[in-house]
Each structure stands twice: as C-alpha cells, then as structure tokens.
N, C-alpha and C. Protein backbone atom coordinates (compact mmCIF):
# COMPACT_ATOMS: atom_id res chain seq x y z
N MET A 1 -202.67 72.24 147.35
CA MET A 1 -201.34 71.79 147.06
C MET A 1 -201.10 71.93 145.53
N SER A 2 -199.95 72.56 145.20
CA SER A 2 -199.67 72.72 143.79
C SER A 2 -199.32 71.39 143.13
N ASP A 3 -199.41 71.40 141.84
CA ASP A 3 -199.04 70.18 141.04
C ASP A 3 -197.62 69.69 141.30
N LEU A 4 -196.63 70.65 141.41
CA LEU A 4 -195.27 70.25 141.59
C LEU A 4 -195.06 69.58 142.98
N VAL A 5 -195.72 70.17 144.00
CA VAL A 5 -195.62 69.60 145.36
C VAL A 5 -196.20 68.21 145.37
N ARG A 6 -197.32 68.06 144.74
CA ARG A 6 -198.01 66.76 144.69
C ARG A 6 -197.16 65.72 143.95
N GLU A 7 -196.54 66.19 142.83
CA GLU A 7 -195.65 65.27 142.12
C GLU A 7 -194.45 64.86 142.94
N LEU A 8 -193.87 65.81 143.67
CA LEU A 8 -192.75 65.48 144.52
C LEU A 8 -193.11 64.52 145.59
N SER A 9 -194.23 64.72 146.20
CA SER A 9 -194.78 63.81 147.26
C SER A 9 -195.00 62.41 146.69
N ASP A 10 -195.58 62.37 145.50
CA ASP A 10 -195.80 61.06 144.87
C ASP A 10 -194.47 60.37 144.57
N ALA A 11 -193.53 61.10 144.09
CA ALA A 11 -192.18 60.53 143.74
C ALA A 11 -191.50 60.02 145.03
N GLU A 12 -191.57 60.84 146.13
CA GLU A 12 -190.96 60.41 147.40
C GLU A 12 -191.67 59.13 147.91
N ASN A 13 -192.96 59.05 147.76
CA ASN A 13 -193.64 57.82 148.19
C ASN A 13 -193.25 56.64 147.33
N ARG A 14 -193.08 56.83 146.09
CA ARG A 14 -192.64 55.74 145.20
C ARG A 14 -191.22 55.27 145.55
N VAL A 15 -190.35 56.20 145.80
CA VAL A 15 -189.00 55.84 146.23
C VAL A 15 -189.01 55.09 147.52
N ASP A 16 -189.78 55.48 148.49
CA ASP A 16 -189.93 54.75 149.76
C ASP A 16 -190.42 53.32 149.49
N GLN A 17 -191.39 53.14 148.63
CA GLN A 17 -191.94 51.88 148.27
C GLN A 17 -190.83 50.97 147.66
N LEU A 18 -190.09 51.54 146.70
CA LEU A 18 -188.97 50.78 146.06
C LEU A 18 -187.98 50.35 147.05
N ARG A 19 -187.60 51.23 147.94
CA ARG A 19 -186.62 50.88 149.01
C ARG A 19 -187.12 49.70 149.86
N ARG A 20 -188.37 49.72 150.22
CA ARG A 20 -188.87 48.63 150.98
C ARG A 20 -188.92 47.32 150.22
N GLN A 21 -189.21 47.40 148.97
CA GLN A 21 -189.20 46.20 148.04
C GLN A 21 -187.80 45.65 147.95
N ILE A 22 -186.83 46.53 147.76
CA ILE A 22 -185.45 46.06 147.58
C ILE A 22 -185.02 45.39 148.94
N ALA A 23 -185.34 46.04 150.09
CA ALA A 23 -184.92 45.48 151.41
C ALA A 23 -185.50 44.07 151.59
N ALA A 24 -186.72 43.87 151.06
CA ALA A 24 -187.38 42.58 151.27
C ALA A 24 -187.09 41.54 150.23
N SER A 25 -186.35 41.96 149.21
CA SER A 25 -186.07 41.07 148.05
C SER A 25 -184.91 40.19 148.27
N ALA A 26 -184.85 39.06 147.64
CA ALA A 26 -183.70 38.13 147.68
C ALA A 26 -182.60 38.69 146.77
N CYS A 27 -181.39 38.35 147.08
CA CYS A 27 -180.24 38.83 146.31
C CYS A 27 -180.33 38.39 144.81
N ARG A 28 -180.90 37.26 144.55
CA ARG A 28 -181.04 36.82 143.13
C ARG A 28 -181.93 37.80 142.34
N GLU A 29 -182.73 38.61 143.02
CA GLU A 29 -183.62 39.55 142.33
C GLU A 29 -182.98 40.92 142.15
N VAL A 30 -182.30 41.32 143.16
CA VAL A 30 -181.67 42.69 143.15
C VAL A 30 -180.18 42.71 143.21
N GLY A 31 -179.53 41.54 143.37
CA GLY A 31 -178.08 41.53 143.45
C GLY A 31 -177.62 41.69 144.93
N CYS A 32 -176.40 41.15 145.15
CA CYS A 32 -175.83 41.20 146.51
C CYS A 32 -175.40 42.63 146.80
N ASP A 33 -175.35 42.92 148.09
CA ASP A 33 -174.85 44.21 148.62
C ASP A 33 -173.46 43.91 149.24
N MET A 34 -172.50 43.80 148.33
CA MET A 34 -171.12 43.37 148.78
C MET A 34 -170.38 44.55 149.46
N GLN A 35 -169.86 44.23 150.64
CA GLN A 35 -169.07 45.26 151.44
C GLN A 35 -167.73 44.62 151.79
N SER A 36 -166.76 45.45 151.90
CA SER A 36 -165.41 44.99 152.26
C SER A 36 -165.45 44.27 153.68
N TYR A 37 -164.86 43.11 153.75
CA TYR A 37 -164.80 42.34 154.96
C TYR A 37 -163.40 42.21 155.54
N GLY A 38 -162.42 42.52 154.70
CA GLY A 38 -161.05 42.39 155.07
C GLY A 38 -160.22 42.08 153.84
N GLY A 39 -159.17 41.29 154.05
CA GLY A 39 -158.30 40.89 152.93
C GLY A 39 -157.68 39.60 153.16
N MET A 40 -156.98 39.15 152.10
CA MET A 40 -156.28 37.90 152.15
C MET A 40 -155.11 37.96 151.21
N ASN A 41 -154.11 37.06 151.36
CA ASN A 41 -152.98 36.97 150.46
C ASN A 41 -153.47 36.60 149.07
N ALA A 42 -152.95 37.24 148.08
CA ALA A 42 -153.44 36.97 146.67
C ALA A 42 -153.01 35.63 146.15
N GLY A 43 -152.01 35.06 146.75
CA GLY A 43 -151.53 33.71 146.28
C GLY A 43 -150.95 33.72 144.86
N CYS A 44 -150.27 34.81 144.57
CA CYS A 44 -149.69 34.93 143.20
C CYS A 44 -148.50 33.96 142.99
N GLY A 45 -147.94 33.54 144.02
CA GLY A 45 -146.76 32.62 143.88
C GLY A 45 -145.94 32.61 145.17
N ASP A 46 -144.83 31.91 145.10
CA ASP A 46 -143.91 31.79 146.27
C ASP A 46 -143.49 33.19 146.71
N GLY A 47 -143.60 33.52 147.96
CA GLY A 47 -143.18 34.78 148.52
C GLY A 47 -144.09 35.96 148.14
N CYS A 48 -145.26 35.69 147.66
CA CYS A 48 -146.23 36.69 147.32
C CYS A 48 -146.61 37.54 148.52
N GLY A 49 -146.51 38.84 148.41
CA GLY A 49 -146.90 39.80 149.44
C GLY A 49 -148.15 40.60 149.09
N CYS A 50 -148.76 40.23 147.97
CA CYS A 50 -149.90 40.99 147.48
C CYS A 50 -151.17 40.58 148.33
N SER A 51 -151.98 41.65 148.48
CA SER A 51 -153.24 41.47 149.25
C SER A 51 -154.44 41.77 148.34
N VAL A 52 -155.44 41.07 148.48
CA VAL A 52 -156.70 41.29 147.77
C VAL A 52 -157.89 41.38 148.73
N PRO A 53 -158.89 42.17 148.41
CA PRO A 53 -160.03 42.35 149.30
C PRO A 53 -160.96 41.13 149.29
N VAL A 54 -161.59 40.86 150.43
CA VAL A 54 -162.60 39.88 150.53
C VAL A 54 -163.89 40.61 150.85
N ASN A 55 -164.97 40.30 150.11
CA ASN A 55 -166.22 41.01 150.27
C ASN A 55 -167.34 40.05 150.75
N VAL A 56 -168.24 40.59 151.58
CA VAL A 56 -169.39 39.84 152.10
C VAL A 56 -170.64 40.60 151.79
N CYS A 57 -171.74 39.86 151.42
CA CYS A 57 -172.96 40.50 151.14
C CYS A 57 -173.68 40.83 152.51
N MET A 58 -174.05 42.01 152.69
CA MET A 58 -174.71 42.45 153.89
C MET A 58 -176.08 41.97 154.01
N ARG A 59 -176.69 41.45 152.85
CA ARG A 59 -178.05 40.99 152.87
C ARG A 59 -178.11 39.42 153.16
N CYS A 60 -177.28 38.66 152.38
CA CYS A 60 -177.40 37.18 152.45
C CYS A 60 -176.25 36.53 153.15
N GLY A 61 -175.08 37.25 153.36
CA GLY A 61 -173.97 36.70 154.03
C GLY A 61 -173.03 35.96 153.04
N ASP A 62 -173.30 35.93 151.77
CA ASP A 62 -172.46 35.25 150.81
C ASP A 62 -171.07 36.00 150.76
N CYS A 63 -170.01 35.22 150.60
CA CYS A 63 -168.65 35.80 150.62
C CYS A 63 -167.95 35.47 149.27
N ASP A 64 -167.20 36.31 148.68
CA ASP A 64 -166.52 36.04 147.44
C ASP A 64 -165.13 35.49 147.68
N TYR A 65 -164.69 35.35 148.89
CA TYR A 65 -163.38 34.73 149.26
C TYR A 65 -162.26 35.29 148.43
N GLY A 66 -162.33 36.56 148.12
CA GLY A 66 -161.25 37.23 147.36
C GLY A 66 -161.28 36.98 145.86
N ASP A 67 -162.37 36.43 145.36
CA ASP A 67 -162.51 36.15 143.93
C ASP A 67 -163.40 37.28 143.38
N ASN A 68 -162.72 38.38 143.02
CA ASN A 68 -163.41 39.58 142.51
C ASN A 68 -162.51 40.28 141.46
N GLU A 69 -163.05 41.33 140.89
CA GLU A 69 -162.35 42.10 139.86
C GLU A 69 -161.01 42.64 140.33
N TRP A 70 -161.02 43.23 141.55
CA TRP A 70 -159.79 43.82 142.12
C TRP A 70 -158.74 42.74 142.23
N ALA A 71 -159.11 41.58 142.74
CA ALA A 71 -158.20 40.44 142.94
C ALA A 71 -157.59 39.97 141.65
N SER A 72 -158.40 39.85 140.61
CA SER A 72 -157.97 39.44 139.32
C SER A 72 -156.91 40.38 138.74
N ARG A 73 -157.19 41.73 138.91
CA ARG A 73 -156.24 42.74 138.41
C ARG A 73 -154.87 42.61 139.19
N THR A 74 -155.02 42.43 140.52
CA THR A 74 -153.85 42.40 141.30
C THR A 74 -152.94 41.15 140.92
N ARG A 75 -153.61 40.05 140.68
CA ARG A 75 -152.83 38.84 140.35
C ARG A 75 -152.24 39.02 138.99
N GLU A 76 -152.92 39.68 138.01
CA GLU A 76 -152.32 39.87 136.65
C GLU A 76 -151.10 40.79 136.72
N GLU A 77 -151.20 41.86 137.55
CA GLU A 77 -150.15 42.82 137.69
C GLU A 77 -148.93 42.17 138.36
N CYS A 78 -149.17 41.34 139.36
CA CYS A 78 -148.06 40.59 140.00
C CYS A 78 -147.40 39.68 139.05
N ALA A 79 -148.15 38.94 138.30
CA ALA A 79 -147.63 38.00 137.28
C ALA A 79 -146.72 38.73 136.24
N ALA A 80 -147.16 39.93 135.83
CA ALA A 80 -146.42 40.72 134.91
C ALA A 80 -145.08 41.15 135.49
N ARG A 81 -145.04 41.42 136.78
CA ARG A 81 -143.77 41.81 137.47
C ARG A 81 -142.85 40.64 137.59
N GLN A 82 -143.40 39.41 137.57
CA GLN A 82 -142.55 38.25 137.75
C GLN A 82 -141.83 37.82 136.45
N ILE A 83 -142.36 38.23 135.35
CA ILE A 83 -141.82 37.82 134.03
C ILE A 83 -140.53 38.65 133.80
N PRO A 84 -139.40 37.95 133.55
CA PRO A 84 -138.18 38.76 133.34
C PRO A 84 -138.22 39.46 132.05
N ASP A 85 -137.57 40.67 131.96
CA ASP A 85 -137.54 41.45 130.75
C ASP A 85 -136.49 40.86 129.84
N LEU A 86 -136.99 40.19 128.77
CA LEU A 86 -136.07 39.52 127.83
C LEU A 86 -135.62 40.45 126.66
N SER A 87 -136.15 41.65 126.70
CA SER A 87 -135.81 42.57 125.61
C SER A 87 -134.35 43.06 125.74
N THR A 88 -133.80 43.02 126.89
CA THR A 88 -132.38 43.41 127.09
C THR A 88 -131.64 42.18 127.61
N PRO A 89 -130.92 41.52 126.69
CA PRO A 89 -130.24 40.30 127.09
C PRO A 89 -129.17 40.63 128.13
N THR A 90 -129.01 39.69 129.08
CA THR A 90 -128.01 39.86 130.10
C THR A 90 -126.78 39.04 129.65
N LEU A 91 -125.67 39.74 129.58
CA LEU A 91 -124.47 39.01 129.18
C LEU A 91 -123.73 38.52 130.41
N PRO A 92 -123.05 37.34 130.30
CA PRO A 92 -122.24 36.86 131.42
C PRO A 92 -121.15 37.81 131.78
N ALA A 93 -120.72 37.77 133.01
CA ALA A 93 -119.59 38.56 133.44
C ALA A 93 -118.37 38.15 132.65
N ARG A 94 -117.46 39.02 132.40
CA ARG A 94 -116.26 38.74 131.65
C ARG A 94 -115.43 37.74 132.50
N LEU A 95 -114.91 36.72 131.84
CA LEU A 95 -114.03 35.79 132.51
C LEU A 95 -112.60 36.32 132.45
N THR A 96 -111.92 36.03 133.54
CA THR A 96 -110.53 36.36 133.54
C THR A 96 -109.72 35.19 133.10
N GLU A 97 -108.45 35.36 132.76
CA GLU A 97 -107.67 34.35 132.13
C GLU A 97 -107.57 33.12 133.15
N GLY A 98 -107.87 31.98 132.61
CA GLY A 98 -107.69 30.79 133.40
C GLY A 98 -109.04 30.33 134.05
N GLU A 99 -110.11 31.12 133.97
CA GLU A 99 -111.42 30.70 134.51
C GLU A 99 -112.20 29.96 133.42
N VAL A 100 -112.98 29.05 133.84
CA VAL A 100 -113.78 28.27 132.94
C VAL A 100 -115.23 28.70 133.12
N ALA A 101 -115.89 28.80 132.00
CA ALA A 101 -117.27 29.24 132.03
C ALA A 101 -118.21 28.11 132.51
C-alpha cells in the first residue's frame, strides 16, 4: 500500500472515530444540533402577522421556543416598520369656511 493510500485510510478512520465521539457526546460538549420544528407568531405587537422559526435539538430535545437570531431580526424589522416616518410632517387637511379645527 502506498503512503498516500495509507494516509487516506488513517484519515478516514480518524473521521469515523470523531463522528462516533460526537454522536456519544452531550450537547454541552459539542453544541446542540438545532433543526427547524415549525414556527410561531413573533409577538411584535397588536395585529402582528410576523412568523419566527422554532428550533429543536435533535440530540437532547431542547427547544429555543422561537428565541433565536432569525426571530430577533424579524422583531427588529417589524418594530422599524411600526415607527411613523417623522421626517415628512403631515399637515392637517385644509379647513373650509365655518369649520372648527
């Protein structure tokens, strides 16, 4: 067997060993394997129609209940849409003679 073939075989064996170690490790050691589980309302405010993902760890079953980076960004963008644009003042409609403001 050539040196390159032997090195490749050793590397593949090492990768297999690492995969087994990761599979047997606790999430605190290797991190959770979060996968999409569905979604929930973002709760940005009254009448909010925004949706955020809910993720569940495939290893330990822990759930983020929609508290993740995507959800934070969605809530920030929704809040920005709710702030009125004050750079262009809105003038009241013109009153006709005899009307009181």
